[in-house]
Amino acid sequence: ARPFDYQKDEFWKIFPNHRDSDMFKAWLGMAKRGHKIDSFKAPDGPGKKDAEIAYQKSEVERSFDWLRANA
């Protein structure tokens, strides 16, 4: 993940009318309650690509499980 400075007016030029939206306020509240998640880094070696693919698949499956339970 990379940080972005949403508090500067310059950021909002490409997102007019969204700065004060309920959806953004809800996202901001959720982000403030959360915590940093370190990026996945597969170990170097011959299985690196397979480890990255397995990680991505598991994350997609985890997201789908959450959606099934909460959407």
PDB file of N, CA and C in Angstrom:
ATOM      1  N   ALA A   1       0.848  -1.181   0.000  1.00  0.00           N
ATOM      2  CA  ALA A   1       0.000   0.000   0.000  1.00  0.00           C
ATOM      3  C   ALA A   1       0.888   1.236   0.000  1.00  0.00           C
ATOM      4  N   ARG A   2       0.375   2.262  -0.571  1.00  0.00           N
ATOM      5  CA  ARG A   2       1.140   3.506  -0.552  1.00  0.00           C
ATOM      6  C   ARG A   2       0.254   4.609   0.020  1.00  0.00           C
ATOM      7  N   PRO A   3       0.830   5.517   0.781  1.00  0.00           N
ATOM      8  CA  PRO A   3       0.033   6.598   1.373  1.00  0.00           C
ATOM      9  C   PRO A   3      -0.393   7.622   0.325  1.00  0.00           C
ATOM     10  N   PHE A   4      -1.523   8.241   0.568  1.00  0.00           N
ATOM     11  CA  PHE A   4      -1.949   9.358  -0.271  1.00  0.00           C
ATOM     12  C   PHE A   4      -2.484  10.442   0.642  1.00  0.00           C
ATOM     13  N   ASP A   5      -2.193  11.677   0.285  1.00  0.00           N
ATOM     14  CA  ASP A   5      -2.526  12.804   1.150  1.00  0.00           C
ATOM     15  C   ASP A   5      -3.897  13.360   0.790  1.00  0.00           C
ATOM     16  N   TYR A   6      -4.927  12.737   1.330  1.00  0.00           N
ATOM     17  CA  TYR A   6      -6.303  13.133   1.034  1.00  0.00           C
ATOM     18  C   TYR A   6      -6.691  14.445   1.711  1.00  0.00           C
ATOM     19  N   GLN A   7      -5.863  14.947   2.601  1.00  0.00           N
ATOM     20  CA  GLN A   7      -6.208  16.181   3.298  1.00  0.00           C
ATOM     21  C   GLN A   7      -5.847  17.432   2.502  1.00  0.00           C
ATOM     22  N   LYS A   8      -5.082  17.281   1.442  1.00  0.00           N
ATOM     23  CA  LYS A   8      -4.713  18.433   0.618  1.00  0.00           C
ATOM     24  C   LYS A   8      -5.761  18.656  -0.468  1.00  0.00           C
ATOM     25  N   ASP A   9      -6.040  19.918  -0.742  1.00  0.00           N
ATOM     26  CA  ASP A   9      -7.014  20.266  -1.781  1.00  0.00           C
ATOM     27  C   ASP A   9      -6.625  19.697  -3.143  1.00  0.00           C
ATOM     28  N   GLU A  10      -5.344  19.608  -3.401  1.00  0.00           N
ATOM     29  CA  GLU A  10      -4.843  19.104  -4.678  1.00  0.00           C
ATOM     30  C   GLU A  10      -5.343  17.676  -4.959  1.00  0.00           C
ATOM     31  N   PHE A  11      -5.440  16.853  -3.914  1.00  0.00           N
ATOM     32  CA  PHE A  11      -5.907  15.475  -4.066  1.00  0.00           C
ATOM     33  C   PHE A  11      -7.331  15.422  -4.608  1.00  0.00           C
ATOM     34  N   TRP A  12      -8.165  16.356  -4.191  1.00  0.00           N
ATOM     35  CA  TRP A  12      -9.595  16.306  -4.497  1.00  0.00           C
ATOM     36  C   TRP A  12      -9.960  16.868  -5.863  1.00  0.00           C
ATOM     37  N   LYS A  13      -8.994  17.401  -6.597  1.00  0.00           N
ATOM     38  CA  LYS A  13      -9.296  17.951  -7.924  1.00  0.00           C
ATOM     39  C   LYS A  13      -9.894  16.892  -8.848  1.00  0.00           C
ATOM     40  N   ILE A  14      -9.441  15.648  -8.742  1.00  0.00           N
ATOM     41  CA  ILE A  14      -9.977  14.596  -9.614  1.00  0.00           C
ATOM     42  C   ILE A  14     -11.195  13.898  -9.005  1.00  0.00           C
ATOM     43  N   PHE A  15     -11.565  14.268  -7.775  1.00  0.00           N
ATOM     44  CA  PHE A  15     -12.731  13.692  -7.107  1.00  0.00           C
ATOM     45  C   PHE A  15     -13.669  14.799  -6.621  1.00  0.00           C
ATOM     46  N   PRO A  16     -14.170  15.626  -7.514  1.00  0.00           N
ATOM     47  CA  PRO A  16     -15.042  16.711  -7.053  1.00  0.00           C
ATOM     48  C   PRO A  16     -16.311  16.148  -6.414  1.00  0.00           C
ATOM     49  N   ASN A  17     -16.796  16.831  -5.418  1.00  0.00           N
ATOM     50  CA  ASN A  17     -18.047  16.492  -4.719  1.00  0.00           C
ATOM     51  C   ASN A  17     -17.978  15.217  -3.889  1.00  0.00           C
ATOM     52  N   HIS A  18     -16.797  14.686  -3.648  1.00  0.00           N
ATOM     53  CA  HIS A  18     -16.701  13.462  -2.851  1.00  0.00           C
ATOM     54  C   HIS A  18     -16.080  13.693  -1.481  1.00  0.00           C
ATOM     55  N   ARG A  19     -15.450  14.819  -1.287  1.00  0.00           N
ATOM     56  CA  ARG A  19     -14.742  15.072  -0.029  1.00  0.00           C
ATOM     57  C   ARG A  19     -15.676  15.011   1.175  1.00  0.00           C
ATOM     58  N   ASP A  20     -16.885  15.506   1.029  1.00  0.00           N
ATOM     59  CA  ASP A  20     -17.832  15.529   2.140  1.00  0.00           C
ATOM     60  C   ASP A  20     -18.916  14.465   2.010  1.00  0.00           C
ATOM     61  N   SER A  21     -18.692  13.459   1.180  1.00  0.00           N
ATOM     62  CA  SER A  21     -19.714  12.431   0.983  1.00  0.00           C
ATOM     63  C   SER A  21     -19.790  11.502   2.196  1.00  0.00           C
ATOM     64  N   ASP A  22     -20.968  10.946   2.416  1.00  0.00           N
ATOM     65  CA  ASP A  22     -21.155  10.001   3.517  1.00  0.00           C
ATOM     66  C   ASP A  22     -20.277   8.764   3.335  1.00  0.00           C
ATOM     67  N   MET A  23     -20.127   8.329   2.090  1.00  0.00           N
ATOM     68  CA  MET A  23     -19.319   7.140   1.824  1.00  0.00           C
ATOM     69  C   MET A  23     -17.857   7.381   2.207  1.00  0.00           C
ATOM     70  N   PHE A  24     -17.317   8.547   1.865  1.00  0.00           N
ATOM     71  CA  PHE A  24     -15.929   8.826   2.220  1.00  0.00           C
ATOM     72  C   PHE A  24     -15.784   8.947   3.728  1.00  0.00           C
ATOM     73  N   LYS A  25     -16.736   9.587   4.380  1.00  0.00           N
ATOM     74  CA  LYS A  25     -16.669   9.711   5.840  1.00  0.00           C
ATOM     75  C   LYS A  25     -16.702   8.339   6.506  1.00  0.00           C
ATOM     76  N   ALA A  26     -17.520   7.430   5.982  1.00  0.00           N
ATOM     77  CA  ALA A  26     -17.574   6.072   6.532  1.00  0.00           C
ATOM     78  C   ALA A  26     -16.243   5.350   6.314  1.00  0.00           C
ATOM     79  N   TRP A  27     -15.670   5.499   5.116  1.00  0.00           N
ATOM     80  CA  TRP A  27     -14.381   4.866   4.826  1.00  0.00           C
ATOM     81  C   TRP A  27     -13.297   5.418   5.742  1.00  0.00           C
ATOM     82  N   LEU A  28     -13.300   6.729   5.942  1.00  0.00           N
ATOM     83  CA  LEU A  28     -12.298   7.362   6.787  1.00  0.00           C
ATOM     84  C   LEU A  28     -12.416   6.862   8.225  1.00  0.00           C
ATOM     85  N   GLY A  29     -13.652   6.737   8.717  1.00  0.00           N
ATOM     86  CA  GLY A  29     -13.852   6.202  10.063  1.00  0.00           C
ATOM     87  C   GLY A  29     -13.321   4.784  10.187  1.00  0.00           C
ATOM     88  N   MET A  30     -13.594   3.960   9.181  1.00  0.00           N
ATOM     89  CA  MET A  30     -13.102   2.586   9.184  1.00  0.00           C
ATOM     90  C   MET A  30     -11.573   2.565   9.145  1.00  0.00           C
ATOM     91  N   ALA A  31     -10.986   3.407   8.322  1.00  0.00           N
ATOM     92  CA  ALA A  31      -9.529   3.452   8.207  1.00  0.00           C
ATOM     93  C   ALA A  31      -8.883   3.880   9.524  1.00  0.00           C
ATOM     94  N   LYS A  32      -9.492   4.796  10.229  1.00  0.00           N
ATOM     95  CA  LYS A  32      -8.929   5.268  11.496  1.00  0.00           C
ATOM     96  C   LYS A  32      -9.021   4.209  12.591  1.00  0.00           C
ATOM     97  N   ARG A  33     -10.031   3.347  12.520  1.00  0.00           N
ATOM     98  CA  ARG A  33     -10.172   2.276  13.511  1.00  0.00           C
ATOM     99  C   ARG A  33      -9.246   1.101  13.217  1.00  0.00           C
ATOM    100  N   GLY A  34      -8.776   1.011  12.000  1.00  0.00           N
ATOM    101  CA  GLY A  34      -7.970  -0.134  11.571  1.00  0.00           C
ATOM    102  C   GLY A  34      -6.517  -0.027  11.983  1.00  0.00           C
ATOM    103  N   HIS A  35      -5.726  -0.911  11.422  1.00  0.00           N
ATOM    104  CA  HIS A  35      -4.294  -0.934  11.690  1.00  0.00           C
ATOM    105  C   HIS A  35      -3.550  -1.295  10.408  1.00  0.00           C
ATOM    106  N   LYS A  36      -2.289  -0.964  10.394  1.00  0.00           N
ATOM    107  CA  LYS A  36      -1.465  -1.212   9.212  1.00  0.00           C
ATOM    108  C   LYS A  36      -1.273  -2.717   9.021  1.00  0.00           C
ATOM    109  N   ILE A  37      -1.395  -3.143   7.784  1.00  0.00           N
ATOM    110  CA  ILE A  37      -1.134  -4.534   7.439  1.00  0.00           C
ATOM    111  C   ILE A  37       0.113  -4.552   6.555  1.00  0.00           C
ATOM    112  N   ASP A  38       1.114  -5.276   6.998  1.00  0.00           N
ATOM    113  CA  ASP A  38       2.346  -5.352   6.215  1.00  0.00           C
ATOM    114  C   ASP A  38       2.092  -6.069   4.892  1.00  0.00           C
ATOM    115  N   SER A  39       2.785  -5.644   3.870  1.00  0.00           N
ATOM    116  CA  SER A  39       2.666  -6.260   2.555  1.00  0.00           C
ATOM    117  C   SER A  39       3.269  -7.661   2.586  1.00  0.00           C
ATOM    118  N   PHE A  40       2.708  -8.545   1.780  1.00  0.00           N
ATOM    119  CA  PHE A  40       3.228  -9.905   1.681  1.00  0.00           C
ATOM    120  C   PHE A  40       4.495  -9.897   0.847  1.00  0.00           C
ATOM    121  N   LYS A  41       5.501 -10.594   1.311  1.00  0.00           N
ATOM    122  CA  LYS A  41       6.740 -10.749   0.541  1.00  0.00           C
ATOM    123  C   LYS A  41       7.089 -12.224   0.549  1.00  0.00           C
ATOM    124  N   ALA A  42       6.995 -12.830  -0.619  1.00  0.00           N
ATOM    125  CA  ALA A  42       7.342 -14.243  -0.752  1.00  0.00           C
ATOM    126  C   ALA A  42       8.842 -14.420  -0.581  1.00  0.00           C
ATOM    127  N   PRO A  43       9.242 -15.526   0.024  1.00  0.00           N
ATOM    128  CA  PRO A  43      10.681 -15.766   0.172  1.00  0.00           C
ATOM    129  C   PRO A  43      11.341 -15.983  -1.185  1.00  0.00           C
ATOM    130  N   ASP A  44      12.561 -15.521  -1.302  1.00  0.00           N
ATOM    131  CA  ASP A  44      13.306 -15.723  -2.546  1.00  0.00           C
ATOM    132  C   ASP A  44      13.570 -17.208  -2.754  1.00  0.00           C
ATOM    133  N   GLY A  45      13.634 -17.578  -3.990  1.00  0.00           N
ATOM    134  CA  GLY A  45      13.924 -18.970  -4.308  1.00  0.00           C
ATOM    135  C   GLY A  45      13.067 -19.452  -5.458  1.00  0.00           C
ATOM    136  N   PRO A  46      13.177 -20.723  -5.777  1.00  0.00           N
ATOM    137  CA  PRO A  46      12.460 -21.251  -6.942  1.00  0.00           C
ATOM    138  C   PRO A  46      10.938 -21.240  -6.800  1.00  0.00           C
ATOM    139  N   GLY A  47      10.417 -21.251  -5.594  1.00  0.00           N
ATOM    140  CA  GLY A  47       8.970 -21.280  -5.408  1.00  0.00           C
ATOM    141  C   GLY A  47       8.354 -19.918  -5.167  1.00  0.00           C
ATOM    142  N   LYS A  48       9.113 -18.855  -5.408  1.00  0.00           N
ATOM    143  CA  LYS A  48       8.630 -17.505  -5.103  1.00  0.00           C
ATOM    144  C   LYS A  48       7.346 -17.171  -5.860  1.00  0.00           C
ATOM    145  N   LYS A  49       7.319 -17.415  -7.151  1.00  0.00           N
ATOM    146  CA  LYS A  49       6.145 -17.084  -7.966  1.00  0.00           C
ATOM    147  C   LYS A  49       4.926 -17.881  -7.499  1.00  0.00           C
ATOM    148  N   ASP A  50       5.114 -19.170  -7.219  1.00  0.00           N
ATOM    149  CA  ASP A  50       4.010 -20.005  -6.745  1.00  0.00           C
ATOM    150  C   ASP A  50       3.492 -19.519  -5.391  1.00  0.00           C
ATOM    151  N   ALA A  51       4.400 -19.077  -4.521  1.00  0.00           N
ATOM    152  CA  ALA A  51       3.996 -18.557  -3.211  1.00  0.00           C
ATOM    153  C   ALA A  51       3.182 -17.280  -3.368  1.00  0.00           C
ATOM    154  N   GLU A  52       3.572 -16.405  -4.285  1.00  0.00           N
ATOM    155  CA  GLU A  52       2.821 -15.172  -4.532  1.00  0.00           C
ATOM    156  C   GLU A  52       1.429 -15.481  -5.063  1.00  0.00           C
ATOM    157  N   ILE A  53       1.333 -16.431  -5.988  1.00  0.00           N
ATOM    158  CA  ILE A  53       0.035 -16.812  -6.553  1.00  0.00           C
ATOM    159  C   ILE A  53      -0.851 -17.421  -5.473  1.00  0.00           C
ATOM    160  N   ALA A  54      -0.294 -18.292  -4.649  1.00  0.00           N
ATOM    161  CA  ALA A  54      -1.066 -18.915  -3.573  1.00  0.00           C
ATOM    162  C   ALA A  54      -1.571 -17.862  -2.594  1.00  0.00           C
ATOM    163  N   TYR A  55      -0.730 -16.891  -2.273  1.00  0.00           N
ATOM    164  CA  TYR A  55      -1.145 -15.822  -1.359  1.00  0.00           C
ATOM    165  C   TYR A  55      -2.287 -15.006  -1.959  1.00  0.00           C
ATOM    166  N   GLN A  56      -2.167 -14.630  -3.210  1.00  0.00           N
ATOM    167  CA  GLN A  56      -3.214 -13.840  -3.860  1.00  0.00           C
ATOM    168  C   GLN A  56      -4.526 -14.612  -3.912  1.00  0.00           C
ATOM    169  N   LYS A  57      -4.463 -15.903  -4.225  1.00  0.00           N
ATOM    170  CA  LYS A  57      -5.679 -16.721  -4.256  1.00  0.00           C
ATOM    171  C   LYS A  57      -6.322 -16.794  -2.879  1.00  0.00           C
ATOM    172  N   SER A  58      -5.513 -16.974  -1.852  1.00  0.00           N
ATOM    173  CA  SER A  58      -6.073 -17.063  -0.503  1.00  0.00           C
ATOM    174  C   SER A  58      -6.708 -15.748  -0.076  1.00  0.00           C
ATOM    175  N   GLU A  59      -6.122 -14.627  -0.476  1.00  0.00           N
ATOM    176  CA  GLU A  59      -6.703 -13.328  -0.145  1.00  0.00           C
ATOM    177  C   GLU A  59      -8.025 -13.102  -0.875  1.00  0.00           C
ATOM    178  N   VAL A  60      -8.104 -13.511  -2.134  1.00  0.00           N
ATOM    179  CA  VAL A  60      -9.357 -13.386  -2.887  1.00  0.00           C
ATOM    180  C   VAL A  60     -10.427 -14.263  -2.249  1.00  0.00           C
ATOM    181  N   GLU A  61     -10.077 -15.491  -1.893  1.00  0.00           N
ATOM    182  CA  GLU A  61     -11.035 -16.390  -1.253  1.00  0.00           C
ATOM    183  C   GLU A  61     -11.504 -15.828   0.082  1.00  0.00           C
ATOM    184  N   ARG A  62     -10.582 -15.244   0.838  1.00  0.00           N
ATOM    185  CA  ARG A  62     -10.948 -14.639   2.123  1.00  0.00           C
ATOM    186  C   ARG A  62     -11.912 -13.477   1.911  1.00  0.00           C
ATOM    187  N   SER A  63     -11.680 -12.675   0.886  1.00  0.00           N
ATOM    188  CA  SER A  63     -12.578 -11.563   0.567  1.00  0.00           C
ATOM    189  C   SER A  63     -13.955 -12.071   0.162  1.00  0.00           C
ATOM    190  N   PHE A  64     -14.001 -13.108  -0.662  1.00  0.00           N
ATOM    191  CA  PHE A  64     -15.286 -13.684  -1.072  1.00  0.00           C
ATOM    192  C   PHE A  64     -16.041 -14.241   0.131  1.00  0.00           C
ATOM    193  N   ASP A  65     -15.340 -14.908   1.039  1.00  0.00           N
ATOM    194  CA  ASP A  65     -15.987 -15.437   2.243  1.00  0.00           C
ATOM    195  C   ASP A  65     -16.600 -14.311   3.063  1.00  0.00           C
ATOM    196  N   TRP A  66     -15.865 -13.206   3.202  1.00  0.00           N
ATOM    197  CA  TRP A  66     -16.388 -12.073   3.962  1.00  0.00           C
ATOM    198  C   TRP A  66     -17.631 -11.510   3.281  1.00  0.00           C
ATOM    199  N   LEU A  67     -17.579 -11.362   1.970  1.00  0.00           N
ATOM    200  CA  LEU A  67     -18.731 -10.834   1.234  1.00  0.00           C
ATOM    201  C   LEU A  67     -19.945 -11.741   1.383  1.00  0.00           C
ATOM    202  N   ARG A  68     -19.746 -13.046   1.296  1.00  0.00           N
ATOM    203  CA  ARG A  68     -20.864 -13.982   1.454  1.00  0.00           C
ATOM    204  C   ARG A  68     -21.491 -13.851   2.837  1.00  0.00           C
ATOM    205  N   ALA A  69     -20.680 -13.623   3.845  1.00  0.00           N
ATOM    206  CA  ALA A  69     -21.176 -13.533   5.214  1.00  0.00           C
ATOM    207  C   ALA A  69     -21.785 -12.173   5.539  1.00  0.00           C
ATOM    208  N   ASN A  70     -21.354 -11.118   4.856  1.00  0.00           N
ATOM    209  CA  ASN A  70     -21.748  -9.765   5.259  1.00  0.00           C
ATOM    210  C   ASN A  70     -22.523  -8.970   4.226  1.00  0.00           C
ATOM    211  N   ALA A  71     -22.596  -9.438   3.014  1.00  0.00           N
ATOM    212  CA  ALA A  71     -23.277  -8.647   1.980  1.00  0.00           C
ATOM    213  C   ALA A  71     -24.698  -9.127   1.770  1.00  0.00           C
TER     214      ALA A  71
END
